[in-house]
Amino acid sequence: MLSDQAIEAGHRLKLFQTIDSTSEEAFRQFANGETAPLWIVAEEQTLGRGRSGRVWSSPPGNLYASLLLTDPLPMSERARVGFVAGLALVEALEVVAEAAGPFRLKWPNDVMAGSAKISGLLLESRGNDGLVIGFGVNTLSAPQTSETPAVSLKARGISVDPQRLFHELSHAFVGWWRVFDHGRGFDEIRKAWLAWGYGLNQRLRVRHGAGDRFGTFEGLDAEGRLVLREDDGRIFIMTAGDVFFPESSA
């Protein structure tokens, strides 16, 4: 399942049929002394999770994968790894879907097919060294409980074996990780992300803290934060939160 490029870069893989969470298993492997980069892939998760502790529906047929990294990245660079992961995933999706895309990256960590979510990413860090990136891709089915409408590749007429998608993901991640270069190449990463960006120059709603903000998505700043021009013309820089678009911006 691992690509030749991933194997050459020292990546390893552990497969599970059913597991509580691929990311949780990655942290367990790290605690038990396993070295990185290490991929954990499962056919099914019983306790999959998304951002902010949300449940991630994880029935068989979809792709569930987590990557353990232990490169000594400073804390200031860790959040940017999500952009690397997003680029790798959207590239892998375009390869397996051939001309059936397009796919777009929605800030901070979703992949969209049209106006619906087809994948989510989750970055988690525990301690000074362990960083885990969780990937969940709706290859066969999509949850109907998401606040953002979700769709599967199958529903878009794209038949993809999760193992093949993972193969392409492991290949693409190696390339974008080299571009990232421990943060030194983030400007190139940011520009590539914007080329796949969803909803640029469109009106959006930002859930931030206790209330919502409305404005136009103007892009990403040099740190990867969302730049929102509010209705009164003021600029708001968003570090974290949830973004919603009132209509399709694909």
Protein backbone atom coordinates (compact mmCIF):
# COMPACT_ATOMS: atom_id res chain seq x y z
CA MET A 1 0.00 0.00 0.00
CA LEU A 2 2.84 2.42 0.73
CA SER A 3 4.28 4.07 -2.35
CA ASP A 4 7.89 3.47 -3.30
CA GLN A 5 8.63 7.13 -2.55
CA ALA A 6 7.21 6.78 0.96
CA ILE A 7 9.23 3.62 1.60
CA GLU A 8 12.40 5.32 0.36
CA ALA A 9 11.66 8.24 2.73
CA GLY A 10 11.54 5.82 5.66
CA HIS A 11 7.76 5.64 6.11
CA ARG A 12 6.30 2.48 7.65
CA LEU A 13 2.75 1.16 7.80
CA LYS A 14 0.63 -0.77 10.29
CA LEU A 15 -2.77 -2.06 9.15
CA PHE A 16 -5.83 -2.82 11.26
CA GLN A 17 -9.24 -4.21 10.37
CA THR A 18 -11.12 -2.50 13.23
CA ILE A 19 -9.68 -0.03 15.72
CA ASP A 20 -10.94 2.65 18.06
CA SER A 21 -9.04 5.46 16.33
CA THR A 22 -6.07 5.46 13.98
CA SER A 23 -4.77 8.63 15.62
CA GLU A 24 -5.11 7.16 19.11
CA GLU A 25 -3.22 4.09 17.94
CA ALA A 26 -0.49 6.31 16.50
CA PHE A 27 -0.03 7.93 19.91
CA ARG A 28 0.03 4.49 21.56
CA GLN A 29 2.69 3.34 19.11
CA PHE A 30 4.71 6.46 19.89
CA ALA A 31 4.42 5.87 23.64
CA ASN A 32 5.63 2.29 23.11
CA GLY A 33 8.77 3.49 21.38
CA GLU A 34 7.82 3.15 17.71
CA THR A 35 9.74 5.41 15.37
CA ALA A 36 8.30 7.78 12.80
CA PRO A 37 7.17 8.42 10.15
CA LEU A 38 4.58 5.73 10.84
CA TRP A 39 1.20 5.32 9.14
CA ILE A 40 -1.75 3.66 10.88
CA VAL A 41 -4.55 2.59 8.52
CA ALA A 42 -7.82 0.87 9.46
CA GLU A 43 -10.83 -0.43 7.58
CA GLU A 44 -13.16 0.77 10.35
CA GLN A 45 -12.99 2.99 13.44
CA THR A 46 -15.24 2.62 16.47
CA LEU A 47 -14.27 5.95 18.10
CA GLY A 48 -13.19 8.15 15.20
CA ARG A 49 -13.01 11.84 15.99
CA GLY A 50 -12.86 15.16 14.23
CA ARG A 51 -12.03 18.69 15.29
CA SER A 52 -13.22 19.99 18.67
CA GLY A 53 -13.99 16.47 19.85
CA ARG A 54 -16.68 15.86 17.23
CA VAL A 55 -17.51 12.26 16.36
CA TRP A 56 -16.26 11.15 12.94
CA SER A 57 -18.53 8.48 11.48
CA SER A 58 -16.24 5.63 10.44
CA PRO A 59 -18.05 2.70 8.76
CA PRO A 60 -16.19 0.22 6.53
CA GLY A 61 -15.43 1.29 2.98
CA ASN A 62 -13.87 4.68 3.61
CA LEU A 63 -10.23 5.63 4.17
CA TYR A 64 -9.07 6.11 7.76
CA ALA A 65 -5.38 6.84 8.15
CA SER A 66 -3.10 8.64 10.58
CA LEU A 67 0.53 9.61 10.21
CA LEU A 68 2.86 9.89 13.19
CA LEU A 69 5.65 12.42 12.80
CA THR A 70 8.42 13.07 15.30
CA ASP A 71 10.60 15.56 13.45
CA PRO A 72 11.64 18.30 15.88
CA LEU A 73 9.27 20.98 14.60
CA PRO A 74 8.87 24.06 16.80
CA MET A 75 5.35 24.54 18.14
CA SER A 76 4.92 27.57 15.87
CA GLU A 77 5.31 25.34 12.78
CA ARG A 78 3.13 22.42 13.80
CA ALA A 79 -0.21 23.94 12.80
CA ARG A 80 1.18 24.61 9.32
CA VAL A 81 1.64 20.88 8.76
CA GLY A 82 -2.11 20.77 8.16
CA PHE A 83 -1.60 22.68 4.91
CA VAL A 84 0.97 20.09 3.81
CA ALA A 85 -1.48 17.30 4.59
CA GLY A 86 -4.28 19.05 2.73
CA LEU A 87 -2.18 19.52 -0.37
CA ALA A 88 -1.10 15.89 -0.33
CA LEU A 89 -4.68 14.69 0.02
CA VAL A 90 -6.18 16.87 -2.70
CA GLU A 91 -3.39 15.84 -5.07
CA ALA A 92 -4.04 12.16 -4.30
CA LEU A 93 -7.77 12.64 -4.86
CA GLU A 94 -7.19 14.26 -8.23
CA VAL A 95 -4.95 11.36 -9.27
CA VAL A 96 -7.46 8.63 -8.39
CA ALA A 97 -10.46 10.57 -9.72
CA GLU A 98 -8.68 11.42 -12.95
CA ALA A 99 -10.88 14.05 -14.61
CA ALA A 100 -13.82 13.61 -12.23
CA GLY A 101 -12.85 16.47 -9.84
CA PRO A 102 -12.34 19.23 -9.07
CA PHE A 103 -11.53 19.17 -5.39
CA ARG A 104 -10.86 22.24 -3.26
CA LEU A 105 -9.26 22.94 0.12
CA LYS A 106 -11.50 24.63 2.69
CA TRP A 107 -9.76 26.41 5.55
CA PRO A 108 -8.52 25.13 7.86
CA ASN A 109 -8.62 21.40 7.18
CA ASP A 110 -11.41 20.11 4.92
CA VAL A 111 -11.46 18.92 1.33
CA MET A 112 -14.54 19.82 -0.70
CA ALA A 113 -16.08 18.23 -3.77
CA GLY A 114 -18.35 20.89 -5.19
CA SER A 115 -20.06 22.48 -2.17
CA ALA A 116 -19.93 19.32 -0.01
CA LYS A 117 -17.24 17.98 2.30
CA ILE A 118 -15.51 14.83 1.16
CA SER A 119 -12.67 14.67 3.68
CA GLY A 120 -11.48 16.04 6.99
CA LEU A 121 -8.06 16.33 8.60
CA LEU A 122 -7.15 16.47 12.28
CA LEU A 123 -3.80 17.51 13.75
CA GLU A 124 -3.01 16.47 17.31
CA SER A 125 0.12 16.96 19.36
CA ARG A 126 1.07 15.46 22.69
CA GLY A 127 4.38 16.34 24.25
CA ASN A 128 7.28 17.97 22.52
CA ASP A 129 7.87 15.44 19.75
CA GLY A 130 4.78 13.49 18.72
CA LEU A 131 2.55 15.00 16.04
CA VAL A 132 -0.27 12.96 14.45
CA ILE A 133 -2.21 13.85 11.30
CA GLY A 134 -5.53 12.07 10.94
CA PHE A 135 -7.14 11.65 7.50
CA GLY A 136 -10.74 10.60 6.96
CA VAL A 137 -12.01 10.34 3.37
CA ASN A 138 -15.57 9.47 2.30
CA THR A 139 -14.74 7.03 -0.46
CA LEU A 140 -17.87 4.85 -0.16
CA SER A 141 -20.28 6.67 2.15
CA ALA A 142 -20.72 10.06 3.82
CA PRO A 143 -22.25 11.02 7.18
CA GLN A 144 -25.52 12.91 7.10
CA THR A 145 -25.11 14.48 10.53
CA SER A 146 -22.39 16.97 9.58
CA GLU A 147 -23.19 20.68 9.88
CA THR A 148 -21.50 21.05 6.52
CA PRO A 149 -23.13 18.87 3.80
CA ALA A 150 -21.00 15.80 3.10
CA VAL A 151 -20.62 13.62 0.02
CA SER A 152 -18.74 10.46 -0.93
CA LEU A 153 -16.59 9.74 -3.94
CA LYS A 154 -19.03 6.98 -4.90
CA ALA A 155 -21.92 9.47 -4.90
CA ARG A 156 -19.88 11.64 -7.26
CA GLY A 157 -19.51 8.67 -9.62
CA ILE A 158 -15.93 7.91 -8.61
CA SER A 159 -15.17 4.30 -7.68
CA VAL A 160 -11.95 4.18 -5.66
CA ASP A 161 -10.40 1.47 -3.52
CA PRO A 162 -9.28 3.12 -0.23
CA GLN A 163 -5.99 1.25 -0.50
CA ARG A 164 -5.24 2.87 -3.85
CA LEU A 165 -6.12 6.29 -2.48
CA PHE A 166 -3.82 5.71 0.48
CA HIS A 167 -1.01 4.68 -1.89
CA GLU A 168 -1.32 8.00 -3.73
CA LEU A 169 -1.61 9.91 -0.44
CA SER A 170 1.60 8.42 0.91
CA HIS A 171 3.32 9.33 -2.36
CA ALA A 172 2.05 12.92 -2.42
CA PHE A 173 2.80 13.58 1.24
CA VAL A 174 6.49 12.83 0.77
CA GLY A 175 6.73 15.41 -2.03
CA TRP A 176 4.90 18.19 -0.18
CA TRP A 177 6.79 17.47 3.04
CA ARG A 178 10.03 18.09 1.19
CA VAL A 179 8.65 21.37 -0.13
CA PHE A 180 7.63 22.36 3.41
CA ASP A 181 11.21 21.75 4.60
CA HIS A 182 10.46 22.14 8.32
CA GLY A 183 8.65 25.42 7.68
CA ARG A 184 11.28 27.03 5.49
CA GLY A 185 9.17 26.38 2.38
CA PHE A 186 5.85 27.46 3.83
CA ASP A 187 5.44 30.39 1.45
CA GLU A 188 5.39 27.94 -1.47
CA ILE A 189 2.98 25.71 0.45
CA ARG A 190 0.70 28.69 1.11
CA LYS A 191 0.65 29.68 -2.57
CA ALA A 192 -0.13 26.12 -3.64
CA TRP A 193 -2.90 25.90 -1.04
CA LEU A 194 -4.48 29.11 -2.34
CA ALA A 195 -4.46 27.69 -5.88
CA TRP A 196 -6.74 24.92 -4.54
CA GLY A 197 -8.52 27.20 -2.09
CA TYR A 198 -12.29 26.99 -1.68
CA GLY A 199 -14.36 30.16 -1.46
CA LEU A 200 -11.69 32.77 -2.14
CA ASN A 201 -13.20 36.24 -2.51
CA GLN A 202 -16.57 34.86 -1.44
CA ARG A 203 -18.77 35.88 1.47
CA LEU A 204 -18.57 33.63 4.51
CA ARG A 205 -19.56 33.26 8.12
CA VAL A 206 -16.87 32.62 10.71
CA ARG A 207 -17.68 31.01 14.03
CA HIS A 208 -15.22 32.60 16.38
CA GLY A 209 -15.44 32.44 20.15
CA ALA A 210 -18.87 33.38 21.42
CA GLY A 211 -20.23 34.88 18.22
CA ASP A 212 -20.17 34.91 14.42
CA ARG A 213 -18.39 37.25 12.04
CA PHE A 214 -19.34 37.91 8.43
CA GLY A 215 -17.23 39.14 5.56
CA THR A 216 -15.17 38.22 2.51
CA PHE A 217 -12.48 35.54 2.49
CA GLU A 218 -9.47 37.42 1.15
CA GLY A 219 -6.84 34.70 1.52
CA LEU A 220 -4.18 33.54 3.95
CA ASP A 221 -1.55 35.64 5.67
CA ALA A 222 2.12 34.62 5.86
CA GLU A 223 1.37 32.43 8.87
CA GLY A 224 -1.52 30.57 7.21
CA ARG A 225 -4.23 32.41 9.13
CA LEU A 226 -7.50 33.27 7.41
CA VAL A 227 -7.86 36.90 6.33
CA LEU A 228 -11.46 38.11 6.60
CA ARG A 229 -12.57 41.54 5.42
CA GLU A 230 -15.61 42.27 7.53
CA ASP A 231 -18.66 44.09 6.21
CA ASP A 232 -17.48 47.37 7.76
CA GLY A 233 -14.14 47.10 5.95
CA ARG A 234 -12.04 46.07 8.92
CA ILE A 235 -9.62 43.15 8.57
CA PHE A 236 -9.96 40.23 10.97
CA ILE A 237 -7.21 37.59 11.18
CA MET A 238 -8.53 34.20 12.22
CA THR A 239 -6.20 31.67 13.83
CA ALA A 240 -8.75 28.92 14.48
CA GLY A 241 -12.47 28.35 14.13
CA ASP A 242 -15.19 27.13 11.80
CA VAL A 243 -16.00 28.60 8.38
CA PHE A 244 -19.33 28.37 6.57
CA PHE A 245 -20.27 29.53 3.08
CA PRO A 246 -23.87 30.46 2.34
CA GLU A 247 -23.66 29.01 -1.16
CA SER A 248 -21.32 27.03 -3.36
CA SER A 249 -18.02 28.70 -4.18
CA ALA A 250 -16.33 25.79 -5.93
